[in-house]
Amino acid sequence: MNEKACRISQFKKAAHQLLSDEGRARIRAGDSEYVDLAISYLEADPYFDGTGYVKSYLVRYLKLVPFSAAQHERLRALILRVIETYGPFGGKHVCRLAASVQSPEFLSQVQVRFDSQDHDTRRRARNIYAYVQRFNQSTRNA
């Protein structure tokens, strides 16, 4: 088996583990091992059939978890990477996750991307920032 096939197999195994009944329950419970595994999966940004669904489910579960300071920083860095490159997931999922990991410093970093030379980066930054602002004015929970 070649290296790429091995990596895909490892990611499929991780996806299955994370989305199993036990995996979802452990993420929702804030189990740091599973939360870190889910964040690592998103950071790795694997691409094969079904990864978009896996990523959207992981974000849905993660946005409700109380994170450690290190996990907050990893997720903020991941969201900033998504803004700049449209990384592992996009649209409403990244906006919802941004609302759950926001901080004044993070929002300032998002605003810096408003001045990017790349139109898509500016658009993604504005969309995320606007979503977080609307979220903050609402009565919803992340």
Protein backbone atom coordinates (compact mmCIF):
# COMPACT_ATOMS: atom_id res chain seq x y z
CA MET A 1 0.00 0.00 0.00
CA ASN A 2 1.45 3.38 -0.89
CA GLU A 3 1.96 6.20 1.59
CA LYS A 4 -1.07 8.23 0.47
CA ALA A 5 -3.37 5.22 0.81
CA CYS A 6 -2.00 4.56 4.31
CA ARG A 7 -2.64 8.15 5.38
CA ILE A 8 -6.19 8.04 3.98
CA SER A 9 -6.77 4.78 5.83
CA GLN A 10 -5.53 6.36 9.08
CA PHE A 11 -7.81 9.37 8.61
CA LYS A 12 -10.80 7.16 7.83
CA LYS A 13 -10.10 5.19 11.00
CA ALA A 14 -9.86 8.43 13.01
CA ALA A 15 -13.09 9.73 11.45
CA HIS A 16 -14.88 6.49 12.32
CA GLN A 17 -13.55 6.66 15.89
CA LEU A 18 -14.57 10.32 16.31
CA LEU A 19 -18.05 9.90 14.83
CA SER A 20 -18.88 6.65 16.60
CA ASP A 21 -21.48 6.85 19.37
CA GLU A 22 -18.69 6.68 21.94
CA GLY A 23 -16.59 9.29 20.13
CA ARG A 24 -19.44 11.78 19.84
CA ALA A 25 -20.35 11.26 23.50
CA ARG A 26 -16.76 11.78 24.60
CA ILE A 27 -16.38 14.94 22.52
CA ARG A 28 -19.64 16.33 23.90
CA ALA A 29 -18.46 15.47 27.43
CA GLY A 30 -15.28 17.47 26.80
CA ASP A 31 -12.93 14.47 26.96
CA SER A 32 -9.61 16.19 26.19
CA GLU A 33 -8.21 13.16 24.32
CA TYR A 34 -11.12 13.14 21.89
CA VAL A 35 -11.32 16.93 21.64
CA ASP A 36 -7.61 17.04 20.78
CA LEU A 37 -8.07 14.25 18.23
CA ALA A 38 -10.96 16.16 16.61
CA ILE A 39 -8.91 19.37 16.47
CA SER A 40 -5.96 17.46 15.01
CA TYR A 41 -8.24 15.98 12.35
CA LEU A 42 -9.42 19.46 11.35
CA GLU A 43 -5.86 20.81 11.38
CA ALA A 44 -4.65 17.97 9.14
CA ASP A 45 -7.43 18.75 6.66
CA PRO A 46 -7.65 15.29 5.05
CA TYR A 47 -9.43 15.03 1.75
CA PHE A 48 -11.30 11.92 0.64
CA ASP A 49 -14.93 11.02 0.03
CA GLY A 50 -17.01 12.16 3.00
CA THR A 51 -14.49 14.41 4.73
CA GLY A 52 -16.74 17.45 4.40
CA TYR A 53 -19.42 15.67 6.41
CA VAL A 54 -16.91 14.54 9.02
CA LYS A 55 -15.57 18.08 9.43
CA SER A 56 -19.02 19.64 9.70
CA TYR A 57 -20.08 17.11 12.35
CA LEU A 58 -16.87 17.66 14.32
CA VAL A 59 -17.41 21.41 14.32
CA ARG A 60 -21.02 20.91 15.41
CA TYR A 61 -19.85 18.86 18.40
CA LEU A 62 -16.78 20.97 19.18
CA LYS A 63 -18.56 24.32 19.33
CA LEU A 64 -20.31 23.21 22.53
CA VAL A 65 -17.22 22.01 24.39
CA PRO A 66 -15.39 23.97 27.08
CA PHE A 67 -11.84 24.21 25.74
CA SER A 68 -8.50 24.48 27.45
CA ALA A 69 -6.43 27.59 26.68
CA ALA A 70 -4.24 25.56 24.30
CA GLN A 71 -7.27 24.17 22.47
CA HIS A 72 -8.71 27.68 22.12
CA GLU A 73 -5.47 28.86 20.53
CA ARG A 74 -5.30 25.89 18.16
CA LEU A 75 -8.87 26.51 17.00
CA ARG A 76 -8.33 30.25 16.60
CA ALA A 77 -5.22 29.58 14.51
CA LEU A 78 -7.18 27.07 12.45
CA ILE A 79 -9.97 29.60 11.80
CA LEU A 80 -7.45 32.24 10.75
CA ARG A 81 -5.93 29.69 8.35
CA VAL A 82 -9.40 29.00 6.95
CA ILE A 83 -9.91 32.74 6.40
CA GLU A 84 -6.67 32.94 4.45
CA THR A 85 -6.92 29.71 2.48
CA TYR A 86 -10.45 28.33 2.85
CA GLY A 87 -8.97 25.38 4.66
CA PRO A 88 -10.68 22.39 6.17
CA PHE A 89 -14.24 23.67 6.35
CA GLY A 90 -16.08 26.83 5.57
CA GLY A 91 -19.29 28.74 5.65
CA LYS A 92 -21.57 28.57 8.64
CA HIS A 93 -19.51 25.92 10.40
CA VAL A 94 -16.40 28.03 10.74
CA CYS A 95 -18.55 31.02 11.76
CA ARG A 96 -20.21 29.03 14.52
CA LEU A 97 -16.90 27.74 15.79
CA ALA A 98 -15.45 31.27 15.70
CA ALA A 99 -18.31 32.44 17.91
CA SER A 100 -17.48 29.78 20.48
CA VAL A 101 -13.71 30.52 20.62
CA GLN A 102 -13.81 34.29 20.19
CA SER A 103 -11.74 36.75 22.17
CA PRO A 104 -11.03 40.44 21.60
CA GLU A 105 -7.53 39.59 20.35
CA PHE A 106 -8.88 36.97 17.96
CA LEU A 107 -11.47 39.37 16.55
CA SER A 108 -8.71 41.94 16.05
CA GLN A 109 -6.76 39.35 14.07
CA VAL A 110 -9.84 38.68 11.97
CA GLN A 111 -10.25 42.43 11.35
CA VAL A 112 -6.62 42.70 10.16
CA ARG A 113 -7.62 40.40 7.30
CA PHE A 114 -10.19 42.99 6.13
CA ASP A 115 -7.23 44.75 4.46
CA SER A 116 -5.89 41.67 2.69
CA GLN A 117 -4.99 42.01 -0.96
CA ASP A 118 -6.96 38.83 -1.64
CA HIS A 119 -10.68 39.45 -2.22
CA ASP A 120 -11.72 36.02 -0.91
CA THR A 121 -9.72 36.45 2.29
CA ARG A 122 -11.39 39.82 2.91
CA ARG A 123 -14.83 38.32 2.24
CA ARG A 124 -14.30 35.35 4.57
CA ALA A 125 -12.92 37.62 7.32
CA ARG A 126 -15.89 39.99 7.03
CA ASN A 127 -18.38 37.11 7.02
CA ILE A 128 -16.90 35.55 10.15
CA TYR A 129 -16.61 38.88 11.94
CA ALA A 130 -20.20 39.84 11.06
CA TYR A 131 -21.49 36.45 12.21
CA VAL A 132 -19.70 36.74 15.55
CA GLN A 133 -21.04 40.28 16.03
CA ARG A 134 -24.62 39.14 15.28
CA PHE A 135 -24.12 36.18 17.59
CA ASN A 136 -22.91 38.47 20.39
CA GLN A 137 -26.01 40.66 20.03
CA SER A 138 -28.35 37.68 20.15
CA THR A 139 -29.44 35.55 23.08
CA ARG A 140 -28.17 32.32 21.53
CA ASN A 141 -25.51 30.06 22.97
CA ALA A 142 -22.57 28.98 20.82
